[in-house]
Amino acid sequence: MSSVGNVPRQIITSPIDGSIFASRELADDSEIERVLSRAVKAKQEWLNTTIADRIDLCERMVRHLEANANEIGLEITQQMGRPIRYAPNEILRGVQERARHMMTLAQHELGDIEVPHVDGFTKFIRRNPVGTVLVVAPWNYPYLTAINSVVPALLSGNTVIIKHASQTLLCAERFSAACGAAGFPDGVFQHIHASHQAVSKMISDWRINFVVFTGSVEGGAAMERAAAGRFIGVGTELGGKDPSYVRADADLTLAIADNVDGSFFNSGQSCCGIERIYVHADVYDDFVDGFVDVTRQYVLGNPLLDSTTLGPMVNTKSAQFVRDQISAAITKGAQAVVSEREFAASQKDSPYLGPTVLLDVDHSMSVMRDESFGPVIGIMKVAGDQEAVALMNDSPYGLTACLWTKDIERAQALGNLIETGTCFMNRCDYLDPSLVWTGVKNTGSGIALSELGFGPYIKLKSFHLKH
């Protein structure tokens, strides 16, 4: 954050070369008041808009994003460093899939709930919107994470205000442009660029009726403190240290390829990316050999080049945190079988950090306990299922876990024991919009996607009418 003429501004420093990519003025009290007032003013018109018309407007919004996916992808790369060869797919694959799935559910899930008929009475339960939803979105997948709440909130009849992370300010503006092009009524969807203090002030305002936050545990706690005593919902998706367990009967070719991708895609900056791997002793050596070979195929470099498959981390501070974790683990006896020194583009004191693979790790090391959110992975040998499950559960987080096995019954049995919101078998790092997205422990209490994903954005009202 900086200021020009005493006007605070948020600055986007591109991780590509350290240049200032964009800057925006932060909203002052008068702008925040205008945004909140417009949201309240739009409530009645949006409430009276049919579900079918809301679906149509959301579809138009998605089409506008799709039509501009290449431009949006370039902005994603410039703002947070994801390689340009992948960036447009955030819109073309994830956003459209999740948004359209929720649209297909809306008519059934948002209509009145019938109850048993009693002669002389009309009785039903109506699903009403909660009011105005504030979405505080992160930078790592700025559209995917936001769409999980934006679309169901709008379909449910809520007005929405979005505040994106300072690193991806332009994404909030793109959402507003898409809603404007779609023809949403004025005030139904708005964006705001605001400081942490301003966000807290908004949450404490009576005109905000639900808050969605994706980010750090500390950030989630701050959101809940700001909402304390207001009796409004706060949906959070916070930290993660997602484990992977490769059983002795796993398809190693599949397990190796997907574990490498799950560990290092987006430079490891994924909420549900793999952060630690446990491998059965019978296949440990073969798995490690294959994992090392595939990891060395990454091309670290300028993310604007089509040849680059691994870009910089979001900033130098984040890269240094990962470097410190690696150094501390090596001091405690870990062995780096792949290190950043093998990648020419890696530069100390920069966001460019090549992937690191660590062996001889244990849970006394930060790299196996604390969220890394970067291109490092520790691999541990285990004797069997019992040890693997105990280690997988030895974490303050619980978003996803993945199992690699040919035994689906065993996978279900182990899944019941693993403390996590999602259990994968033979895949990882993917949100199926037909399944609820949630977590346990310090990962937070948010619920998104599936038929249950509308729940946070509705309040129930009973009609008991005697003829």
Protein backbone atom coordinates (compact mmCIF):
# COMPACT_ATOMS: atom_id res chain seq x y z
CA MET A 1 0.00 0.00 0.00
CA SER A 2 1.18 3.53 -0.77
CA SER A 3 -0.35 6.99 -0.96
CA VAL A 4 -0.40 9.79 -3.51
CA GLY A 5 -1.40 13.21 -2.21
CA ASN A 6 -2.50 11.59 1.07
CA VAL A 7 -4.86 9.28 -0.86
CA PRO A 8 -4.09 5.63 0.05
CA ARG A 9 -3.55 3.31 -2.90
CA GLN A 10 -3.08 -0.41 -3.38
CA ILE A 11 -0.21 -1.39 -5.65
CA ILE A 12 0.13 -4.53 -7.75
CA THR A 13 3.82 -5.39 -8.02
CA SER A 14 4.18 -8.02 -10.73
CA PRO A 15 6.25 -11.03 -9.62
CA ILE A 16 7.48 -11.37 -13.21
CA ASP A 17 9.95 -8.49 -13.00
CA GLY A 18 9.10 -6.47 -9.89
CA SER A 19 7.48 -3.67 -11.87
CA ILE A 20 4.32 -1.86 -10.79
CA PHE A 21 1.60 -3.39 -12.93
CA ALA A 22 -1.36 -1.39 -11.63
CA SER A 23 -2.55 0.68 -8.70
CA ARG A 24 -5.93 1.76 -7.41
CA GLU A 25 -7.21 4.23 -4.85
CA LEU A 26 -8.63 2.68 -1.72
CA ALA A 27 -12.24 3.45 -0.91
CA ASP A 28 -12.79 6.13 1.71
CA ASP A 29 -15.74 6.24 4.10
CA SER A 30 -17.95 8.08 1.62
CA GLU A 31 -17.32 5.51 -1.13
CA ILE A 32 -18.02 2.63 1.24
CA GLU A 33 -21.27 4.34 2.24
CA ARG A 34 -22.27 4.69 -1.43
CA VAL A 35 -21.55 1.02 -2.11
CA LEU A 36 -23.54 -0.17 0.90
CA SER A 37 -26.43 2.15 0.09
CA ARG A 38 -26.60 0.99 -3.51
CA ALA A 39 -26.65 -2.64 -2.35
CA VAL A 40 -29.58 -1.97 -0.02
CA LYS A 41 -31.44 -0.03 -2.69
CA ALA A 42 -31.06 -2.92 -5.16
CA LYS A 43 -32.36 -5.59 -2.78
CA GLN A 44 -36.06 -5.37 -3.51
CA GLU A 45 -35.74 -5.34 -7.29
CA TRP A 46 -33.38 -8.32 -7.17
CA LEU A 47 -35.63 -10.18 -4.75
CA ASN A 48 -38.53 -9.70 -7.17
CA THR A 49 -36.46 -10.97 -10.11
CA THR A 50 -37.44 -14.52 -10.99
CA ILE A 51 -34.97 -17.35 -10.49
CA ALA A 52 -35.08 -17.99 -14.23
CA ASP A 53 -34.05 -14.39 -14.94
CA ARG A 54 -31.26 -14.57 -12.36
CA ILE A 55 -29.96 -17.72 -14.06
CA ASP A 56 -30.07 -15.96 -17.44
CA LEU A 57 -28.11 -12.99 -16.13
CA CYS A 58 -25.50 -15.24 -14.50
CA GLU A 59 -25.14 -17.15 -17.76
CA ARG A 60 -24.55 -13.89 -19.61
CA MET A 61 -21.93 -12.92 -17.03
CA VAL A 62 -20.09 -16.22 -17.55
CA ARG A 63 -20.24 -15.83 -21.32
CA HIS A 64 -18.68 -12.38 -21.03
CA LEU A 65 -15.84 -13.80 -18.95
CA GLU A 66 -15.34 -16.61 -21.48
CA ALA A 67 -15.26 -14.16 -24.38
CA ASN A 68 -12.46 -12.27 -22.65
CA ALA A 69 -10.62 -15.30 -21.25
CA ASN A 70 -7.36 -14.63 -23.09
CA GLU A 71 -7.15 -11.03 -21.85
CA ILE A 72 -8.12 -12.13 -18.36
CA GLY A 73 -5.54 -14.92 -18.46
CA LEU A 74 -2.82 -12.43 -19.39
CA GLU A 75 -3.84 -10.24 -16.45
CA ILE A 76 -3.72 -13.24 -14.10
CA THR A 77 -0.17 -13.95 -15.26
CA GLN A 78 0.91 -10.35 -14.89
CA GLN A 79 -0.67 -10.00 -11.45
CA MET A 80 0.36 -13.24 -9.73
CA GLY A 81 2.74 -15.10 -12.04
CA ARG A 82 0.90 -18.21 -13.27
CA PRO A 83 2.26 -19.31 -16.68
CA ILE A 84 0.26 -17.89 -19.57
CA ARG A 85 -0.18 -21.36 -21.08
CA TYR A 86 -2.46 -22.23 -18.14
CA ALA A 87 -3.99 -18.95 -16.96
CA PRO A 88 -7.00 -18.65 -19.34
CA ASN A 89 -8.19 -22.10 -18.26
CA GLU A 90 -9.23 -20.66 -14.91
CA ILE A 91 -12.14 -19.12 -16.84
CA LEU A 92 -12.57 -21.62 -19.68
CA ARG A 93 -12.62 -24.71 -17.46
CA GLY A 94 -13.13 -24.07 -13.77
CA VAL A 95 -15.30 -20.95 -13.69
CA GLN A 96 -17.74 -22.01 -16.36
CA GLU A 97 -18.02 -25.56 -14.96
CA ARG A 98 -18.78 -24.47 -11.42
CA ALA A 99 -21.05 -21.57 -12.34
CA ARG A 100 -23.15 -23.57 -14.79
CA HIS A 101 -23.50 -26.50 -12.40
CA MET A 102 -24.96 -24.20 -9.77
CA MET A 103 -27.28 -22.71 -12.39
CA THR A 104 -28.66 -26.16 -13.22
CA LEU A 105 -29.51 -26.67 -9.54
CA ALA A 106 -31.00 -23.26 -8.84
CA GLN A 107 -34.65 -23.75 -9.84
CA HIS A 108 -35.04 -26.84 -7.67
CA GLU A 109 -32.89 -25.77 -4.74
CA LEU A 110 -34.22 -22.21 -4.42
CA GLY A 111 -37.95 -22.75 -4.85
CA ASP A 112 -40.48 -23.08 -2.05
CA ILE A 113 -40.30 -26.21 0.09
CA GLU A 114 -43.55 -28.16 0.17
CA VAL A 115 -44.85 -29.69 3.39
CA PRO A 116 -47.63 -32.28 3.90
CA HIS A 117 -51.04 -30.90 2.93
CA VAL A 118 -53.66 -30.28 5.62
CA ASP A 119 -57.23 -29.40 4.58
CA GLY A 120 -58.05 -25.80 5.33
CA PHE A 121 -54.45 -24.63 5.35
CA THR A 122 -51.78 -23.49 2.94
CA LYS A 123 -48.36 -24.20 4.36
CA PHE A 124 -44.87 -23.98 2.83
CA ILE A 125 -41.32 -22.89 3.59
CA ARG A 126 -39.84 -20.10 1.48
CA ARG A 127 -36.13 -19.72 0.79
CA ASN A 128 -35.31 -16.02 1.01
CA PRO A 129 -31.91 -14.35 0.47
CA VAL A 130 -29.92 -13.34 3.52
CA GLY A 131 -29.40 -9.83 2.11
CA THR A 132 -26.02 -8.47 1.05
CA VAL A 133 -23.02 -10.82 0.82
CA LEU A 134 -19.45 -9.54 1.14
CA VAL A 135 -16.96 -11.76 -0.70
CA VAL A 136 -13.30 -11.30 0.29
CA ALA A 137 -11.42 -13.23 -2.39
CA PRO A 138 -7.76 -14.39 -2.56
CA TRP A 139 -5.11 -13.97 -5.22
CA ASN A 140 -4.02 -17.55 -5.97
CA TYR A 141 -7.12 -18.54 -7.98
CA PRO A 142 -8.88 -15.19 -8.04
CA TYR A 143 -11.81 -16.21 -10.23
CA LEU A 144 -12.28 -19.83 -9.21
CA THR A 145 -12.44 -19.10 -5.50
CA ALA A 146 -14.77 -16.14 -6.00
CA ILE A 147 -17.18 -17.90 -8.35
CA ASN A 148 -17.89 -20.51 -5.65
CA SER A 149 -19.75 -17.85 -3.69
CA VAL A 150 -20.63 -15.14 -6.21
CA VAL A 151 -22.92 -17.27 -8.38
CA PRO A 152 -24.89 -19.09 -5.65
CA ALA A 153 -25.24 -15.82 -3.71
CA LEU A 154 -26.62 -14.01 -6.77
CA LEU A 155 -28.87 -16.91 -7.77
CA SER A 156 -30.28 -16.95 -4.24
CA GLY A 157 -31.36 -13.32 -4.62
CA ASN A 158 -28.61 -11.60 -2.66
CA THR A 159 -26.76 -8.47 -3.63
CA VAL A 160 -22.99 -9.02 -3.68
CA ILE A 161 -19.97 -6.85 -2.93
CA ILE A 162 -16.56 -8.29 -3.78
CA LYS A 163 -13.21 -7.21 -2.42
CA HIS A 164 -10.24 -8.96 -4.01
CA ALA A 165 -6.77 -9.39 -2.57
CA SER A 166 -4.52 -6.43 -3.31
CA GLN A 167 -2.39 -8.61 -5.61
CA THR A 168 -5.34 -9.24 -7.97
CA LEU A 169 -7.33 -6.00 -7.86
CA LEU A 170 -8.17 -6.15 -11.55
CA CYS A 171 -10.13 -9.39 -11.11
CA ALA A 172 -12.76 -7.58 -9.05
CA GLU A 173 -13.11 -5.02 -11.83
CA ARG A 174 -13.46 -7.80 -14.40
CA PHE A 175 -16.32 -9.31 -12.41
CA SER A 176 -18.07 -5.93 -12.31
CA ALA A 177 -17.56 -5.46 -16.04
CA ALA A 178 -19.02 -8.92 -16.73
CA CYS A 179 -22.08 -8.22 -14.57
CA GLY A 180 -22.52 -4.84 -16.26
CA ALA A 181 -22.33 -6.40 -19.71
CA ALA A 182 -24.81 -9.06 -18.64
CA GLY A 183 -27.36 -6.43 -17.63
CA PHE A 184 -27.57 -6.91 -13.88
CA PRO A 185 -29.65 -4.20 -12.17
CA ASP A 186 -27.60 -1.38 -10.68
CA GLY A 187 -26.22 -2.19 -7.24
CA VAL A 188 -26.79 -5.96 -7.39
CA PHE A 189 -23.08 -6.65 -7.92
CA GLN A 190 -20.35 -4.21 -6.93
CA HIS A 191 -16.62 -4.33 -6.29
CA ILE A 192 -14.59 -2.28 -3.87
CA HIS A 193 -10.88 -1.76 -3.24
CA ALA A 194 -10.51 -1.41 0.50
CA SER A 195 -8.02 -1.69 3.37
CA HIS A 196 -8.25 -4.36 6.06
CA GLN A 197 -9.61 -1.77 8.45
CA ALA A 198 -12.31 -0.74 5.99
CA VAL A 199 -13.32 -4.35 5.44
CA SER A 200 -13.68 -4.84 9.19
CA LYS A 201 -15.81 -1.71 9.36
CA MET A 202 -18.03 -2.99 6.56
CA ILE A 203 -18.52 -6.34 8.29
CA SER A 204 -19.65 -4.57 11.45
CA ASP A 205 -22.22 -2.57 9.44
CA TRP A 206 -25.85 -3.77 9.60
CA ARG A 207 -26.06 -3.73 5.80
CA ILE A 208 -23.68 -6.69 5.41
CA ASN A 209 -25.54 -9.93 6.09
CA PHE A 210 -23.02 -12.65 5.27
CA VAL A 211 -19.26 -12.76 4.76
CA VAL A 212 -17.21 -15.17 2.63
CA PHE A 213 -13.45 -15.23 3.16
CA THR A 214 -10.73 -17.33 1.57
CA GLY A 215 -7.24 -16.85 2.94
CA SER A 216 -5.10 -17.33 6.02
CA VAL A 217 -6.20 -18.63 9.40
CA GLU A 218 -5.30 -15.25 10.90
CA GLY A 219 -7.42 -13.49 8.28
CA GLY A 220 -10.37 -15.77 8.97
CA ALA A 221 -10.14 -15.09 12.68
CA ALA A 222 -10.13 -11.35 11.95
CA MET A 223 -13.32 -11.74 9.90
CA GLU A 224 -15.05 -13.56 12.74
CA ARG A 225 -13.95 -10.94 15.25
CA ALA A 226 -15.35 -8.19 13.04
CA ALA A 227 -18.69 -10.01 12.83
CA ALA A 228 -18.86 -10.87 16.55
CA GLY A 229 -22.18 -10.03 18.11
CA ARG A 230 -23.95 -9.39 14.80
CA PHE A 231 -25.34 -12.93 14.45
CA ILE A 232 -24.42 -13.15 10.77
CA GLY A 233 -22.73 -16.05 9.05
CA VAL A 234 -19.03 -16.07 8.16
CA GLY A 235 -17.97 -18.74 5.67
CA THR A 236 -14.23 -19.41 5.69
CA GLU A 237 -11.77 -21.48 3.67
CA LEU A 238 -8.42 -21.07 5.36
CA GLY A 239 -5.07 -22.88 5.50
CA GLY A 240 -4.25 -26.40 4.41
CA LYS A 241 -1.50 -29.00 4.54
CA ASP A 242 -3.12 -31.57 2.28
CA PRO A 243 -1.63 -35.08 2.44
CA SER A 244 -1.27 -37.82 -0.15
CA TYR A 245 -0.85 -41.54 0.59
CA VAL A 246 0.47 -43.96 -2.04
CA ARG A 247 -0.45 -47.54 -1.08
CA ALA A 248 1.51 -50.60 -2.17
CA ASP A 249 -1.15 -51.51 -4.75
CA ALA A 250 -1.19 -48.09 -6.44
CA ASP A 251 -0.80 -47.53 -10.17
CA LEU A 252 2.62 -45.90 -9.84
CA THR A 253 2.65 -44.23 -13.24
CA LEU A 254 -0.59 -42.43 -12.44
CA ALA A 255 0.39 -41.73 -8.83
CA ILE A 256 3.74 -40.22 -9.80
CA ALA A 257 2.38 -37.96 -12.54
CA ASP A 258 -0.57 -36.68 -10.52
CA ASN A 259 1.38 -36.21 -7.29
CA VAL A 260 4.00 -34.11 -9.08
CA ASP A 261 1.30 -31.99 -10.72
CA GLY A 262 -0.65 -31.73 -7.46
CA SER A 263 2.48 -30.60 -5.63
CA PHE A 264 3.84 -28.02 -8.04
CA PHE A 265 1.07 -26.68 -10.31
CA ASN A 266 0.65 -22.92 -9.83
CA SER A 267 4.02 -23.03 -8.04
CA GLY A 268 2.35 -24.96 -5.22
CA GLN A 269 0.05 -22.02 -4.48
CA SER A 270 -3.18 -23.98 -4.34
CA CYS A 271 -5.50 -24.38 -1.36
CA CYS A 272 -5.99 -28.07 -2.16
CA GLY A 273 -2.55 -28.77 -3.62
CA ILE A 274 -0.53 -31.66 -2.19
CA GLU A 275 1.82 -30.49 0.57
CA ARG A 276 3.13 -33.80 1.98
CA ILE A 277 3.34 -37.36 0.65
CA TYR A 278 3.44 -40.71 2.45
CA VAL A 279 4.48 -43.77 0.43
CA HIS A 280 4.30 -47.45 1.36
CA ALA A 281 7.75 -48.95 1.86
CA ASP A 282 7.18 -51.58 -0.84
CA VAL A 283 6.93 -48.96 -3.61
CA TYR A 284 8.81 -46.09 -2.00
CA ASP A 285 12.03 -46.28 -4.02
CA ASP A 286 10.27 -46.62 -7.38
CA PHE A 287 7.90 -43.79 -6.52
CA VAL A 288 10.71 -41.45 -5.49
CA ASP A 289 12.75 -42.22 -8.61
CA GLY A 290 9.80 -41.48 -10.86
CA PHE A 291 8.78 -38.40 -8.90
CA VAL A 292 12.27 -36.93 -9.19
CA ASP A 293 12.42 -37.61 -12.94
CA VAL A 294 9.08 -35.91 -13.63
CA THR A 295 9.85 -32.94 -11.38
CA ARG A 296 13.04 -32.22 -13.29
CA GLN A 297 11.00 -31.78 -16.48
CA TYR A 298 9.55 -28.47 -15.27
CA VAL A 299 10.65 -25.32 -17.06
CA LEU A 300 10.95 -22.46 -14.59
CA GLY A 301 10.99 -19.02 -16.11
CA ASN A 302 9.14 -15.98 -17.41
CA PRO A 303 5.44 -16.94 -17.24
CA LEU A 304 4.66 -14.86 -20.33
CA LEU A 305 6.53 -17.42 -22.45
CA ASP A 306 4.56 -20.40 -23.75
CA SER A 307 7.49 -22.70 -22.98
CA THR A 308 7.33 -21.94 -19.24
CA THR A 309 5.55 -24.54 -17.10
CA LEU A 310 6.44 -23.08 -13.69
CA GLY A 311 6.34 -19.37 -12.99
CA PRO A 312 7.47 -17.26 -10.05
CA MET A 313 5.73 -17.32 -6.70
CA VAL A 314 3.49 -14.37 -5.93
CA ASN A 315 6.24 -12.37 -4.23
CA THR A 316 9.73 -12.61 -2.74
CA LYS A 317 8.45 -12.77 0.83
CA SER A 318 6.44 -15.93 0.11
CA ALA A 319 9.39 -17.51 -1.70
CA GLN A 320 11.68 -16.73 1.21
CA PHE A 321 9.27 -18.41 3.63
CA VAL A 322 9.54 -21.62 1.57
CA ARG A 323 13.32 -21.30 1.32
CA ASP A 324 13.49 -20.96 5.09
CA GLN A 325 11.36 -24.10 5.53
CA ILE A 326 13.68 -26.01 3.20
CA SER A 327 16.81 -24.76 4.97
CA ALA A 328 15.41 -25.65 8.39
CA ALA A 329 14.47 -29.14 7.22
CA ILE A 330 17.93 -29.78 5.77
CA THR A 331 19.49 -28.58 9.02
CA LYS A 332 17.41 -31.24 10.80
CA GLY A 333 18.57 -33.98 8.42
CA ALA A 334 16.33 -33.79 5.35
CA GLN A 335 17.88 -34.56 1.96
CA ALA A 336 17.05 -32.45 -1.10
CA VAL A 337 17.01 -34.89 -4.04
CA VAL A 338 15.75 -32.07 -6.26
CA SER A 339 16.70 -28.51 -5.35
CA GLU A 340 16.19 -25.07 -6.82
CA ARG A 341 19.84 -25.01 -7.86
CA GLU A 342 18.95 -27.38 -10.70
CA PHE A 343 16.76 -24.69 -12.32
CA ALA A 344 18.68 -21.89 -13.96
CA ALA A 345 15.89 -19.34 -13.49
CA SER A 346 15.88 -19.75 -9.71
CA GLN A 347 17.17 -16.62 -8.06
CA LYS A 348 17.66 -15.97 -4.39
CA ASP A 349 15.95 -12.85 -3.09
CA SER A 350 13.35 -13.18 -5.85
CA PRO A 351 9.99 -14.94 -6.37
CA TYR A 352 11.61 -17.39 -8.83
CA LEU A 353 11.93 -20.62 -6.86
CA GLY A 354 12.51 -23.99 -8.52
CA PRO A 355 10.75 -27.08 -7.14
CA THR A 356 12.35 -28.87 -4.21
CA VAL A 357 11.83 -32.54 -3.27
CA LEU A 358 12.85 -33.53 0.27
CA LEU A 359 13.44 -37.02 1.67
CA ASP A 360 14.30 -38.12 5.23
CA VAL A 361 11.67 -35.73 6.54
CA ASP A 362 9.54 -36.09 9.68
CA HIS A 363 6.87 -34.20 11.57
CA SER A 364 9.34 -32.29 13.71
CA MET A 365 9.99 -30.19 10.59
CA SER A 366 7.90 -27.16 9.64
CA VAL A 367 7.79 -28.30 6.03
CA MET A 368 5.69 -31.30 7.09
CA ARG A 369 3.49 -29.45 9.58
CA ASP A 370 2.99 -25.84 8.48
CA GLU A 371 1.40 -24.71 5.26
CA SER A 372 4.10 -24.01 2.65
CA PHE A 373 1.99 -22.74 -0.25
CA GLY A 374 4.98 -23.07 -2.53
CA PRO A 375 6.96 -25.50 -4.73
CA VAL A 376 8.32 -27.84 -2.06
CA ILE A 377 7.29 -31.36 -1.08
CA GLY A 378 8.43 -33.78 1.58
CA ILE A 379 8.08 -37.52 0.98
CA MET A 380 7.99 -40.00 3.89
CA LYS A 381 8.20 -43.81 3.85
CA VAL A 382 5.47 -45.59 5.86
CA ALA A 383 4.92 -49.20 6.85
CA GLY A 384 1.21 -49.32 6.08
CA ASP A 385 -2.26 -47.82 6.35
CA GLN A 386 -2.31 -47.29 10.09
CA GLU A 387 0.88 -45.25 10.15
CA ALA A 388 -0.18 -43.29 7.07
CA VAL A 389 -3.56 -42.31 8.52
CA ALA A 390 -1.99 -41.26 11.83
CA LEU A 391 0.46 -39.00 9.99
CA MET A 392 -2.20 -37.60 7.67
CA ASN A 393 -4.30 -36.61 10.69
CA ASP A 394 -1.30 -35.08 12.49
CA SER A 395 -2.13 -31.59 11.24
CA PRO A 396 -4.16 -28.57 12.39
CA TYR A 397 -5.76 -28.46 8.91
CA GLY A 398 -8.19 -30.61 6.98
CA LEU A 399 -9.24 -29.58 3.45
CA THR A 400 -8.46 -32.55 1.20
CA ALA A 401 -6.53 -35.82 1.28
CA CYS A 402 -5.81 -38.23 -1.57
CA LEU A 403 -5.29 -41.97 -1.68
CA TRP A 404 -3.64 -43.92 -4.47
CA THR A 405 -4.85 -47.50 -4.60
CA LYS A 406 -6.78 -50.02 -6.69
CA ASP A 407 -8.95 -51.00 -3.71
CA ILE A 408 -12.02 -48.74 -3.63
CA GLU A 409 -13.47 -50.40 -0.53
CA ARG A 410 -10.24 -49.84 1.36
CA ALA A 411 -10.16 -46.24 0.13
CA GLN A 412 -13.63 -45.63 1.56
CA ALA A 413 -12.66 -47.23 4.87
CA LEU A 414 -9.52 -45.10 5.13
CA GLY A 415 -11.46 -42.03 4.02
CA ASN A 416 -13.74 -42.44 7.03
CA LEU A 417 -10.69 -42.22 9.28
CA ILE A 418 -8.98 -39.25 7.67
CA GLU A 419 -9.90 -35.84 9.13
CA THR A 420 -10.64 -33.88 5.99
CA GLY A 421 -13.41 -32.20 4.02
CA THR A 422 -12.77 -34.15 0.81
CA CYS A 423 -11.18 -37.55 0.28
CA PHE A 424 -9.88 -38.32 -3.22
CA MET A 425 -8.93 -41.67 -4.69
CA ASN A 426 -6.54 -41.68 -7.65
CA ARG A 427 -6.84 -37.93 -8.24
CA CYS A 428 -6.13 -34.68 -6.41
CA ASP A 429 -6.40 -30.90 -6.51
CA TYR A 430 -9.84 -30.74 -8.15
CA LEU A 431 -13.23 -29.36 -7.13
CA ASP A 432 -16.16 -31.35 -8.48
CA PRO A 433 -19.08 -28.89 -8.39
CA SER A 434 -21.54 -31.70 -7.65
CA LEU A 435 -19.75 -32.34 -4.32
CA VAL A 436 -19.73 -30.01 -1.35
CA TRP A 437 -16.46 -28.12 -0.81
CA THR A 438 -15.67 -27.75 2.86
CA GLY A 439 -13.00 -28.37 5.47
CA VAL A 440 -12.43 -29.25 9.11
CA LYS A 441 -10.24 -27.96 11.94
CA ASN A 442 -8.29 -24.79 11.10
CA THR A 443 -9.23 -25.03 7.45
CA GLY A 444 -12.47 -23.27 8.37
CA SER A 445 -16.22 -23.70 8.32
CA GLY A 446 -17.20 -22.63 4.81
CA ILE A 447 -19.52 -24.59 2.51
CA ALA A 448 -19.51 -24.19 -1.27
CA LEU A 449 -20.81 -25.92 -4.40
CA SER A 450 -23.24 -28.84 -4.77
CA GLU A 451 -26.91 -28.62 -3.86
CA LEU A 452 -25.78 -27.68 -0.36
CA GLY A 453 -23.87 -24.65 -1.65
CA PHE A 454 -26.94 -22.42 -1.59
CA GLY A 455 -27.47 -22.96 2.15
CA PRO A 456 -25.25 -20.13 3.44
CA TYR A 457 -27.04 -17.58 1.24
CA ILE A 458 -30.65 -18.26 2.20
CA LYS A 459 -32.79 -17.80 5.28
CA LEU A 460 -35.95 -19.82 5.77
CA LYS A 461 -39.39 -18.34 6.27
CA SER A 462 -42.46 -20.41 7.12
CA PHE A 463 -45.93 -19.58 5.75
CA HIS A 464 -48.80 -21.00 7.86
CA LEU A 465 -52.04 -19.79 6.29
CA LYS A 466 -55.42 -20.85 7.63
CA HIS A 467 -58.24 -20.58 5.07
